[in-house]
Amino acid sequence: MPKLIKDGAIVSNEWQWLTNNDEDQATAVPEGKVIVPLAVWLDQKGSLSQRDDVGVWLENDQLPSELGDDVATLPLIAVNFPGFMDGRGFSIGRLLRDRYGFKGELRAYGNIIRDQLTFLSRCGFNAFDCREAFDLEASLASLSDFSESYQAAVDKPMPLFRRRA
């Protein structure tokens, strides 16, 4: 079973991906823990919202507002990073945590690099599914590359000068 980093540990990936067959929303969603594209979720929301084992993935050009109130009921939301130089996924993560109050697993997947994990964590991501050959042990260690941060973020809502006061 493939592995990923979740909540500061290397764990087995229990979720399967429903491929995005050219936006074919009529795709049957299998039983078990499955992550579906936003288009499939929106098309089959009536039946899928009854399940507690369905997560949704957002592409980096899709807004969390498209999920609406469903954010509160989803156990997992994944955000695709098609290129490591595209930062839109960071903003999506921050919006999901701060504006929409998402409490579940927020997974970054795709073309992310080890140097980004700390910053993804600061934006609210707590799981990292790096689909390419990735040294998970070294990546896990990189989550503690910085001992302190100055700015407020999802992981530390108060800036350093307030925490010291």
N, C-alpha and C. Protein backbone atom coordinates (compact mmCIF):
# COMPACT_ATOMS: atom_id res chain seq x y z
N MET A 1 0.85 -1.18 0.00
CA MET A 1 0.00 0.00 0.00
C MET A 1 0.90 1.24 0.00
N PRO A 2 0.58 2.23 -0.83
CA PRO A 2 1.40 3.44 -0.88
C PRO A 2 1.37 4.19 0.46
N LYS A 3 2.40 4.96 0.68
CA LYS A 3 2.55 5.73 1.91
C LYS A 3 2.44 7.22 1.62
N LEU A 4 2.13 7.98 2.68
CA LEU A 4 2.12 9.43 2.60
C LEU A 4 2.41 9.99 3.98
N ILE A 5 2.62 11.29 4.04
CA ILE A 5 2.84 11.95 5.32
C ILE A 5 1.51 12.55 5.76
N LYS A 6 1.10 12.22 6.98
CA LYS A 6 -0.15 12.75 7.52
C LYS A 6 0.04 13.02 9.02
N ASP A 7 -0.31 14.22 9.43
CA ASP A 7 -0.24 14.62 10.83
C ASP A 7 1.13 14.31 11.45
N GLY A 8 2.18 14.57 10.69
CA GLY A 8 3.54 14.42 11.22
C GLY A 8 4.05 13.00 11.30
N ALA A 9 3.44 12.07 10.56
CA ALA A 9 3.89 10.68 10.57
C ALA A 9 3.74 10.10 9.16
N ILE A 10 4.49 9.06 8.90
CA ILE A 10 4.36 8.34 7.64
C ILE A 10 3.33 7.23 7.86
N VAL A 11 2.27 7.26 7.05
CA VAL A 11 1.17 6.31 7.22
C VAL A 11 0.80 5.71 5.86
N SER A 12 0.03 4.64 5.90
CA SER A 12 -0.48 4.04 4.68
C SER A 12 -1.58 4.91 4.11
N ASN A 13 -1.61 5.01 2.80
CA ASN A 13 -2.65 5.76 2.11
C ASN A 13 -3.85 4.85 1.93
N GLU A 14 -4.91 5.08 2.69
CA GLU A 14 -6.10 4.23 2.64
C GLU A 14 -7.10 4.68 1.58
N TRP A 15 -6.85 5.83 0.97
CA TRP A 15 -7.80 6.40 0.01
C TRP A 15 -7.39 6.07 -1.42
N GLN A 16 -8.37 5.78 -2.26
CA GLN A 16 -8.12 5.58 -3.68
C GLN A 16 -8.64 6.79 -4.45
N TRP A 17 -8.08 7.00 -5.62
CA TRP A 17 -8.45 8.14 -6.46
C TRP A 17 -9.38 7.68 -7.56
N LEU A 18 -10.47 8.40 -7.75
CA LEU A 18 -11.34 8.18 -8.90
C LEU A 18 -10.81 9.08 -10.00
N THR A 19 -10.35 8.50 -11.08
CA THR A 19 -9.73 9.31 -12.13
C THR A 19 -10.75 10.21 -12.79
N ASN A 20 -10.25 11.29 -13.30
CA ASN A 20 -11.08 12.33 -13.90
C ASN A 20 -11.22 12.04 -15.39
N ASN A 21 -12.09 11.10 -15.75
CA ASN A 21 -12.24 10.65 -17.13
C ASN A 21 -12.86 11.73 -18.01
N ASP A 22 -12.05 12.71 -18.36
CA ASP A 22 -12.52 13.80 -19.23
C ASP A 22 -13.82 14.41 -18.71
N GLU A 23 -13.86 14.63 -17.39
CA GLU A 23 -15.02 15.26 -16.75
C GLU A 23 -16.30 14.43 -16.92
N ASP A 24 -16.17 13.11 -16.97
CA ASP A 24 -17.35 12.25 -17.07
C ASP A 24 -17.96 12.10 -15.69
N GLN A 25 -18.97 12.90 -15.40
CA GLN A 25 -19.58 12.92 -14.09
C GLN A 25 -20.42 11.67 -13.80
N ALA A 26 -20.73 10.89 -14.81
CA ALA A 26 -21.57 9.71 -14.61
C ALA A 26 -20.77 8.51 -14.12
N THR A 27 -19.48 8.70 -13.88
CA THR A 27 -18.62 7.63 -13.41
C THR A 27 -19.17 7.05 -12.11
N ALA A 28 -19.23 5.73 -12.04
CA ALA A 28 -19.68 5.06 -10.82
C ALA A 28 -18.60 5.20 -9.75
N VAL A 29 -18.99 5.59 -8.56
CA VAL A 29 -18.05 5.75 -7.46
C VAL A 29 -18.02 4.46 -6.66
N PRO A 30 -16.86 3.80 -6.58
CA PRO A 30 -16.79 2.51 -5.88
C PRO A 30 -16.97 2.67 -4.37
N GLU A 31 -17.20 1.56 -3.70
CA GLU A 31 -17.31 1.55 -2.24
C GLU A 31 -15.92 1.72 -1.65
N GLY A 32 -15.86 2.12 -0.40
CA GLY A 32 -14.60 2.33 0.28
C GLY A 32 -14.18 3.78 0.20
N LYS A 33 -13.06 4.09 0.81
CA LYS A 33 -12.56 5.46 0.85
C LYS A 33 -12.08 5.87 -0.52
N VAL A 34 -12.73 6.89 -1.07
CA VAL A 34 -12.42 7.31 -2.44
C VAL A 34 -12.44 8.83 -2.53
N ILE A 35 -11.51 9.38 -3.30
CA ILE A 35 -11.43 10.81 -3.55
C ILE A 35 -11.90 11.06 -4.97
N VAL A 36 -12.94 11.89 -5.11
CA VAL A 36 -13.55 12.13 -6.42
C VAL A 36 -13.26 13.55 -6.88
N PRO A 37 -13.24 13.78 -8.20
CA PRO A 37 -13.10 15.14 -8.71
C PRO A 37 -14.31 15.98 -8.32
N LEU A 38 -14.12 17.28 -8.26
CA LEU A 38 -15.20 18.19 -7.90
C LEU A 38 -16.42 18.02 -8.80
N ALA A 39 -16.20 17.84 -10.10
CA ALA A 39 -17.32 17.69 -11.04
C ALA A 39 -18.17 16.48 -10.70
N VAL A 40 -17.55 15.38 -10.31
CA VAL A 40 -18.30 14.17 -9.94
C VAL A 40 -19.07 14.43 -8.65
N TRP A 41 -18.43 15.08 -7.67
CA TRP A 41 -19.10 15.40 -6.42
C TRP A 41 -20.35 16.25 -6.68
N LEU A 42 -20.21 17.28 -7.47
CA LEU A 42 -21.34 18.18 -7.73
C LEU A 42 -22.47 17.46 -8.46
N ASP A 43 -22.12 16.56 -9.38
CA ASP A 43 -23.13 15.85 -10.15
C ASP A 43 -23.84 14.78 -9.33
N GLN A 44 -23.11 14.10 -8.42
CA GLN A 44 -23.67 12.99 -7.66
C GLN A 44 -23.82 13.31 -6.17
N LYS A 45 -23.88 14.59 -5.87
CA LYS A 45 -23.89 15.02 -4.46
C LYS A 45 -25.01 14.37 -3.65
N GLY A 46 -26.17 14.18 -4.24
CA GLY A 46 -27.28 13.59 -3.53
C GLY A 46 -26.95 12.25 -2.91
N SER A 47 -26.30 11.37 -3.68
CA SER A 47 -25.96 10.04 -3.16
C SER A 47 -24.63 10.04 -2.41
N LEU A 48 -23.66 10.81 -2.88
CA LEU A 48 -22.34 10.79 -2.25
C LEU A 48 -22.34 11.47 -0.88
N SER A 49 -23.19 12.46 -0.68
CA SER A 49 -23.20 13.16 0.61
C SER A 49 -23.75 12.28 1.73
N GLN A 50 -24.37 11.15 1.37
CA GLN A 50 -24.86 10.20 2.39
C GLN A 50 -23.73 9.32 2.93
N ARG A 51 -22.61 9.33 2.25
CA ARG A 51 -21.47 8.50 2.64
C ARG A 51 -20.46 9.32 3.44
N ASP A 52 -19.75 8.66 4.35
CA ASP A 52 -18.71 9.34 5.11
C ASP A 52 -17.31 8.92 4.68
N ASP A 53 -17.24 8.25 3.53
CA ASP A 53 -15.96 7.78 3.02
C ASP A 53 -15.65 8.34 1.64
N VAL A 54 -16.15 9.55 1.35
CA VAL A 54 -15.91 10.19 0.06
C VAL A 54 -15.26 11.54 0.31
N GLY A 55 -14.11 11.75 -0.31
CA GLY A 55 -13.43 13.04 -0.28
C GLY A 55 -13.51 13.68 -1.66
N VAL A 56 -13.15 14.94 -1.73
CA VAL A 56 -13.21 15.67 -2.99
C VAL A 56 -11.84 16.26 -3.29
N TRP A 57 -11.47 16.21 -4.57
CA TRP A 57 -10.24 16.90 -4.94
C TRP A 57 -10.57 18.12 -5.77
N LEU A 58 -9.79 19.16 -5.49
CA LEU A 58 -9.91 20.42 -6.22
C LEU A 58 -8.67 20.60 -7.08
N GLU A 59 -8.87 21.00 -8.30
CA GLU A 59 -7.74 21.42 -9.12
C GLU A 59 -7.34 22.81 -8.63
N ASN A 60 -6.16 23.26 -8.99
CA ASN A 60 -5.68 24.54 -8.47
C ASN A 60 -6.39 25.75 -9.07
N ASP A 61 -7.27 25.53 -10.04
CA ASP A 61 -8.05 26.63 -10.59
C ASP A 61 -9.52 26.57 -10.17
N GLN A 62 -9.84 25.69 -9.22
CA GLN A 62 -11.20 25.58 -8.71
C GLN A 62 -11.26 26.21 -7.32
N LEU A 63 -12.32 26.91 -7.05
CA LEU A 63 -12.44 27.63 -5.78
C LEU A 63 -13.17 26.80 -4.73
N PRO A 64 -12.77 26.93 -3.47
CA PRO A 64 -13.48 26.22 -2.40
C PRO A 64 -14.95 26.60 -2.31
N SER A 65 -15.30 27.79 -2.77
CA SER A 65 -16.70 28.23 -2.72
C SER A 65 -17.60 27.32 -3.55
N GLU A 66 -17.04 26.59 -4.52
CA GLU A 66 -17.84 25.67 -5.32
C GLU A 66 -18.37 24.51 -4.48
N LEU A 67 -17.72 24.22 -3.36
CA LEU A 67 -18.19 23.18 -2.45
C LEU A 67 -19.28 23.69 -1.52
N GLY A 68 -19.29 24.99 -1.27
CA GLY A 68 -20.30 25.59 -0.40
C GLY A 68 -20.30 25.00 0.99
N ASP A 69 -21.47 24.70 1.52
CA ASP A 69 -21.62 24.16 2.87
C ASP A 69 -21.14 22.72 2.99
N ASP A 70 -20.88 22.07 1.86
CA ASP A 70 -20.41 20.68 1.89
C ASP A 70 -19.04 20.57 2.56
N VAL A 71 -18.31 21.66 2.63
CA VAL A 71 -16.98 21.66 3.26
C VAL A 71 -17.07 21.09 4.67
N ALA A 72 -18.11 21.43 5.40
CA ALA A 72 -18.25 21.01 6.80
C ALA A 72 -18.48 19.51 6.94
N THR A 73 -18.95 18.85 5.90
CA THR A 73 -19.29 17.43 6.02
C THR A 73 -18.25 16.49 5.42
N LEU A 74 -17.31 17.03 4.67
CA LEU A 74 -16.33 16.18 3.99
C LEU A 74 -15.21 15.75 4.95
N PRO A 75 -14.81 14.48 4.89
CA PRO A 75 -13.70 14.03 5.75
C PRO A 75 -12.34 14.40 5.17
N LEU A 76 -12.28 14.63 3.86
CA LEU A 76 -11.00 14.90 3.19
C LEU A 76 -11.23 15.79 1.99
N ILE A 77 -10.36 16.78 1.84
CA ILE A 77 -10.30 17.57 0.62
C ILE A 77 -8.85 17.56 0.17
N ALA A 78 -8.64 17.22 -1.09
CA ALA A 78 -7.30 17.19 -1.67
C ALA A 78 -7.18 18.33 -2.67
N VAL A 79 -6.00 18.92 -2.73
CA VAL A 79 -5.74 20.01 -3.67
C VAL A 79 -4.58 19.58 -4.55
N ASN A 80 -4.79 19.65 -5.86
CA ASN A 80 -3.78 19.26 -6.83
C ASN A 80 -2.78 20.39 -7.06
N PHE A 81 -1.52 20.02 -7.05
CA PHE A 81 -0.42 20.92 -7.40
C PHE A 81 0.21 20.38 -8.68
N PRO A 82 -0.27 20.83 -9.85
CA PRO A 82 0.26 20.28 -11.10
C PRO A 82 1.70 20.69 -11.38
N GLY A 83 2.13 21.80 -10.82
CA GLY A 83 3.50 22.25 -10.97
C GLY A 83 3.97 22.87 -9.66
N PHE A 84 5.20 22.59 -9.27
CA PHE A 84 5.66 23.08 -7.97
C PHE A 84 5.81 24.60 -7.93
N MET A 85 5.77 25.26 -9.08
CA MET A 85 5.91 26.72 -9.09
C MET A 85 4.56 27.44 -9.05
N ASP A 86 3.48 26.69 -9.03
CA ASP A 86 2.14 27.28 -9.03
C ASP A 86 1.66 27.34 -7.58
N GLY A 87 1.46 28.53 -7.06
CA GLY A 87 1.12 28.71 -5.65
C GLY A 87 -0.35 28.82 -5.34
N ARG A 88 -1.23 28.63 -6.33
CA ARG A 88 -2.67 28.78 -6.07
C ARG A 88 -3.17 27.78 -5.04
N GLY A 89 -2.60 26.60 -4.99
CA GLY A 89 -3.02 25.60 -4.01
C GLY A 89 -2.80 26.05 -2.58
N PHE A 90 -1.75 26.83 -2.34
CA PHE A 90 -1.50 27.36 -1.00
C PHE A 90 -2.68 28.23 -0.56
N SER A 91 -3.14 29.08 -1.47
CA SER A 91 -4.28 29.96 -1.16
C SER A 91 -5.55 29.17 -0.93
N ILE A 92 -5.75 28.11 -1.70
CA ILE A 92 -6.93 27.27 -1.52
C ILE A 92 -6.91 26.64 -0.13
N GLY A 93 -5.76 26.14 0.28
CA GLY A 93 -5.65 25.55 1.62
C GLY A 93 -5.96 26.55 2.71
N ARG A 94 -5.43 27.73 2.58
CA ARG A 94 -5.66 28.77 3.59
C ARG A 94 -7.14 29.17 3.63
N LEU A 95 -7.76 29.30 2.46
CA LEU A 95 -9.19 29.61 2.41
C LEU A 95 -10.03 28.52 3.07
N LEU A 96 -9.71 27.27 2.77
CA LEU A 96 -10.49 26.17 3.35
C LEU A 96 -10.42 26.17 4.87
N ARG A 97 -9.25 26.44 5.42
CA ARG A 97 -9.09 26.42 6.88
C ARG A 97 -9.66 27.69 7.53
N ASP A 98 -9.31 28.85 6.99
CA ASP A 98 -9.68 30.11 7.63
C ASP A 98 -11.10 30.56 7.33
N ARG A 99 -11.44 30.62 6.08
CA ARG A 99 -12.74 31.17 5.70
C ARG A 99 -13.87 30.16 5.82
N TYR A 100 -13.59 28.89 5.42
CA TYR A 100 -14.64 27.89 5.40
C TYR A 100 -14.62 26.97 6.62
N GLY A 101 -13.62 27.09 7.47
CA GLY A 101 -13.56 26.33 8.72
C GLY A 101 -13.42 24.83 8.54
N PHE A 102 -12.76 24.40 7.47
CA PHE A 102 -12.60 22.97 7.22
C PHE A 102 -11.74 22.34 8.31
N LYS A 103 -12.24 21.26 8.91
CA LYS A 103 -11.55 20.59 10.02
C LYS A 103 -10.97 19.23 9.65
N GLY A 104 -11.31 18.71 8.49
CA GLY A 104 -10.88 17.37 8.11
C GLY A 104 -9.46 17.33 7.57
N GLU A 105 -9.14 16.23 6.92
CA GLU A 105 -7.82 16.07 6.31
C GLU A 105 -7.72 16.94 5.08
N LEU A 106 -6.70 17.78 5.05
CA LEU A 106 -6.44 18.63 3.89
C LEU A 106 -5.15 18.13 3.26
N ARG A 107 -5.27 17.53 2.09
CA ARG A 107 -4.16 16.82 1.46
C ARG A 107 -3.64 17.58 0.25
N ALA A 108 -2.34 17.81 0.23
CA ALA A 108 -1.66 18.34 -0.95
C ALA A 108 -1.12 17.15 -1.74
N TYR A 109 -1.36 17.13 -3.03
CA TYR A 109 -0.84 16.04 -3.84
C TYR A 109 -0.39 16.57 -5.18
N GLY A 110 0.43 15.78 -5.82
CA GLY A 110 0.91 16.17 -7.14
C GLY A 110 2.37 16.53 -7.11
N ASN A 111 2.71 17.56 -7.84
CA ASN A 111 4.09 17.96 -8.02
C ASN A 111 4.52 18.96 -6.95
N ILE A 112 4.68 18.47 -5.75
CA ILE A 112 5.19 19.31 -4.66
C ILE A 112 6.59 18.83 -4.31
N ILE A 113 7.38 19.73 -3.77
CA ILE A 113 8.74 19.38 -3.42
C ILE A 113 8.93 19.51 -1.91
N ARG A 114 9.96 18.88 -1.43
CA ARG A 114 10.23 18.84 0.00
C ARG A 114 10.31 20.23 0.62
N ASP A 115 10.90 21.17 -0.07
CA ASP A 115 11.06 22.52 0.47
C ASP A 115 9.72 23.22 0.72
N GLN A 116 8.65 22.75 0.11
CA GLN A 116 7.35 23.39 0.27
C GLN A 116 6.54 22.85 1.44
N LEU A 117 6.93 21.73 2.01
CA LEU A 117 6.09 21.08 3.02
C LEU A 117 5.84 21.96 4.24
N THR A 118 6.86 22.64 4.72
CA THR A 118 6.66 23.52 5.88
C THR A 118 5.64 24.60 5.56
N PHE A 119 5.75 25.20 4.39
CA PHE A 119 4.84 26.28 4.03
C PHE A 119 3.43 25.76 3.75
N LEU A 120 3.33 24.57 3.19
CA LEU A 120 2.01 23.95 3.02
C LEU A 120 1.37 23.69 4.38
N SER A 121 2.16 23.22 5.30
CA SER A 121 1.66 22.99 6.66
C SER A 121 1.17 24.28 7.30
N ARG A 122 1.90 25.36 7.10
CA ARG A 122 1.50 26.66 7.65
C ARG A 122 0.19 27.15 7.04
N CYS A 123 -0.11 26.71 5.81
CA CYS A 123 -1.36 27.09 5.15
C CYS A 123 -2.52 26.17 5.52
N GLY A 124 -2.26 25.15 6.33
CA GLY A 124 -3.33 24.29 6.81
C GLY A 124 -3.32 22.86 6.30
N PHE A 125 -2.41 22.52 5.41
CA PHE A 125 -2.35 21.14 4.92
C PHE A 125 -1.77 20.25 6.02
N ASN A 126 -2.41 19.11 6.24
CA ASN A 126 -1.89 18.17 7.23
C ASN A 126 -1.55 16.81 6.63
N ALA A 127 -1.69 16.68 5.31
CA ALA A 127 -1.32 15.44 4.63
C ALA A 127 -0.66 15.78 3.30
N PHE A 128 0.34 14.97 2.94
CA PHE A 128 1.14 15.25 1.75
C PHE A 128 1.30 13.95 0.96
N ASP A 129 0.71 13.92 -0.22
CA ASP A 129 0.75 12.76 -1.09
C ASP A 129 1.60 13.13 -2.29
N CYS A 130 2.86 12.80 -2.20
CA CYS A 130 3.82 13.17 -3.24
C CYS A 130 3.95 11.98 -4.17
N ARG A 131 3.29 12.06 -5.28
CA ARG A 131 3.13 10.90 -6.15
C ARG A 131 4.42 10.42 -6.80
N GLU A 132 5.41 11.24 -6.89
CA GLU A 132 6.67 10.83 -7.51
C GLU A 132 7.55 10.15 -6.47
N ALA A 133 8.70 9.64 -6.92
CA ALA A 133 9.65 9.06 -6.00
C ALA A 133 10.07 10.14 -5.01
N PHE A 134 9.81 9.89 -3.76
CA PHE A 134 9.96 10.92 -2.74
C PHE A 134 10.51 10.24 -1.50
N ASP A 135 11.56 10.78 -0.92
CA ASP A 135 12.11 10.25 0.32
C ASP A 135 11.23 10.73 1.48
N LEU A 136 10.33 9.88 1.92
CA LEU A 136 9.36 10.28 2.94
C LEU A 136 10.02 10.60 4.28
N GLU A 137 11.05 9.87 4.64
CA GLU A 137 11.75 10.13 5.91
C GLU A 137 12.37 11.53 5.91
N ALA A 138 13.07 11.87 4.85
CA ALA A 138 13.70 13.19 4.75
C ALA A 138 12.64 14.28 4.67
N SER A 139 11.56 14.00 3.97
CA SER A 139 10.48 14.98 3.86
C SER A 139 9.81 15.21 5.20
N LEU A 140 9.61 14.16 5.95
CA LEU A 140 9.03 14.29 7.28
C LEU A 140 9.92 15.14 8.17
N ALA A 141 11.22 14.93 8.08
CA ALA A 141 12.16 15.73 8.86
C ALA A 141 12.12 17.19 8.45
N SER A 142 11.83 17.45 7.18
CA SER A 142 11.82 18.83 6.69
C SER A 142 10.67 19.64 7.28
N LEU A 143 9.67 18.98 7.83
CA LEU A 143 8.57 19.71 8.46
C LEU A 143 9.02 20.49 9.69
N SER A 144 10.19 20.15 10.20
CA SER A 144 10.70 20.89 11.35
C SER A 144 11.99 21.65 11.00
N ASP A 145 12.13 22.03 9.73
CA ASP A 145 13.29 22.79 9.31
C ASP A 145 13.38 24.15 10.00
N PHE A 146 12.23 24.72 10.32
CA PHE A 146 12.21 26.04 10.95
C PHE A 146 11.66 25.89 12.36
N SER A 147 12.40 26.43 13.31
CA SER A 147 11.97 26.30 14.70
C SER A 147 10.96 27.36 15.11
N GLU A 148 10.92 28.46 14.39
CA GLU A 148 10.01 29.55 14.74
C GLU A 148 9.56 30.27 13.48
N SER A 149 8.40 30.89 13.55
CA SER A 149 7.90 31.69 12.44
C SER A 149 7.45 33.04 12.97
N TYR A 150 7.62 34.05 12.18
CA TYR A 150 7.24 35.40 12.59
C TYR A 150 5.77 35.69 12.34
N GLN A 151 5.27 35.25 11.19
CA GLN A 151 3.94 35.61 10.77
C GLN A 151 2.89 34.68 11.37
N ALA A 152 1.67 35.21 11.44
CA ALA A 152 0.53 34.38 11.82
C ALA A 152 0.18 33.49 10.64
N ALA A 153 -0.30 32.29 10.93
CA ALA A 153 -0.73 31.35 9.89
C ALA A 153 -1.72 30.39 10.51
N VAL A 154 -2.15 29.41 9.75
CA VAL A 154 -3.12 28.45 10.25
C VAL A 154 -2.54 27.68 11.44
N ASP A 155 -1.28 27.28 11.34
CA ASP A 155 -0.69 26.49 12.42
C ASP A 155 -0.36 27.31 13.66
N LYS A 156 -0.11 28.59 13.51
CA LYS A 156 0.15 29.50 14.64
C LYS A 156 -0.59 30.80 14.36
N PRO A 157 -1.80 30.94 14.88
CA PRO A 157 -2.63 32.09 14.53
C PRO A 157 -2.14 33.43 15.08
N MET A 158 -1.21 33.41 16.01
CA MET A 158 -0.69 34.67 16.56
C MET A 158 0.73 34.91 16.03
N PRO A 159 1.05 36.14 15.64
CA PRO A 159 2.42 36.42 15.20
C PRO A 159 3.39 36.32 16.39
N LEU A 160 4.65 36.21 16.08
CA LEU A 160 5.67 35.99 17.10
C LEU A 160 5.65 37.07 18.18
N PHE A 161 5.52 38.32 17.81
CA PHE A 161 5.57 39.38 18.82
C PHE A 161 4.40 39.26 19.80
N ARG A 162 3.26 38.72 19.38
CA ARG A 162 2.13 38.50 20.30
C ARG A 162 2.36 37.27 21.17
N ARG A 163 2.97 36.24 20.60
CA ARG A 163 3.25 35.04 21.38
C ARG A 163 4.27 35.32 22.46
N ARG A 164 5.20 36.22 22.21
CA ARG A 164 6.24 36.56 23.20
C ARG A 164 5.72 37.49 24.31
N ALA A 165 4.66 38.21 24.02
CA ALA A 165 4.16 39.19 24.99
C ALA A 165 3.50 38.53 26.19
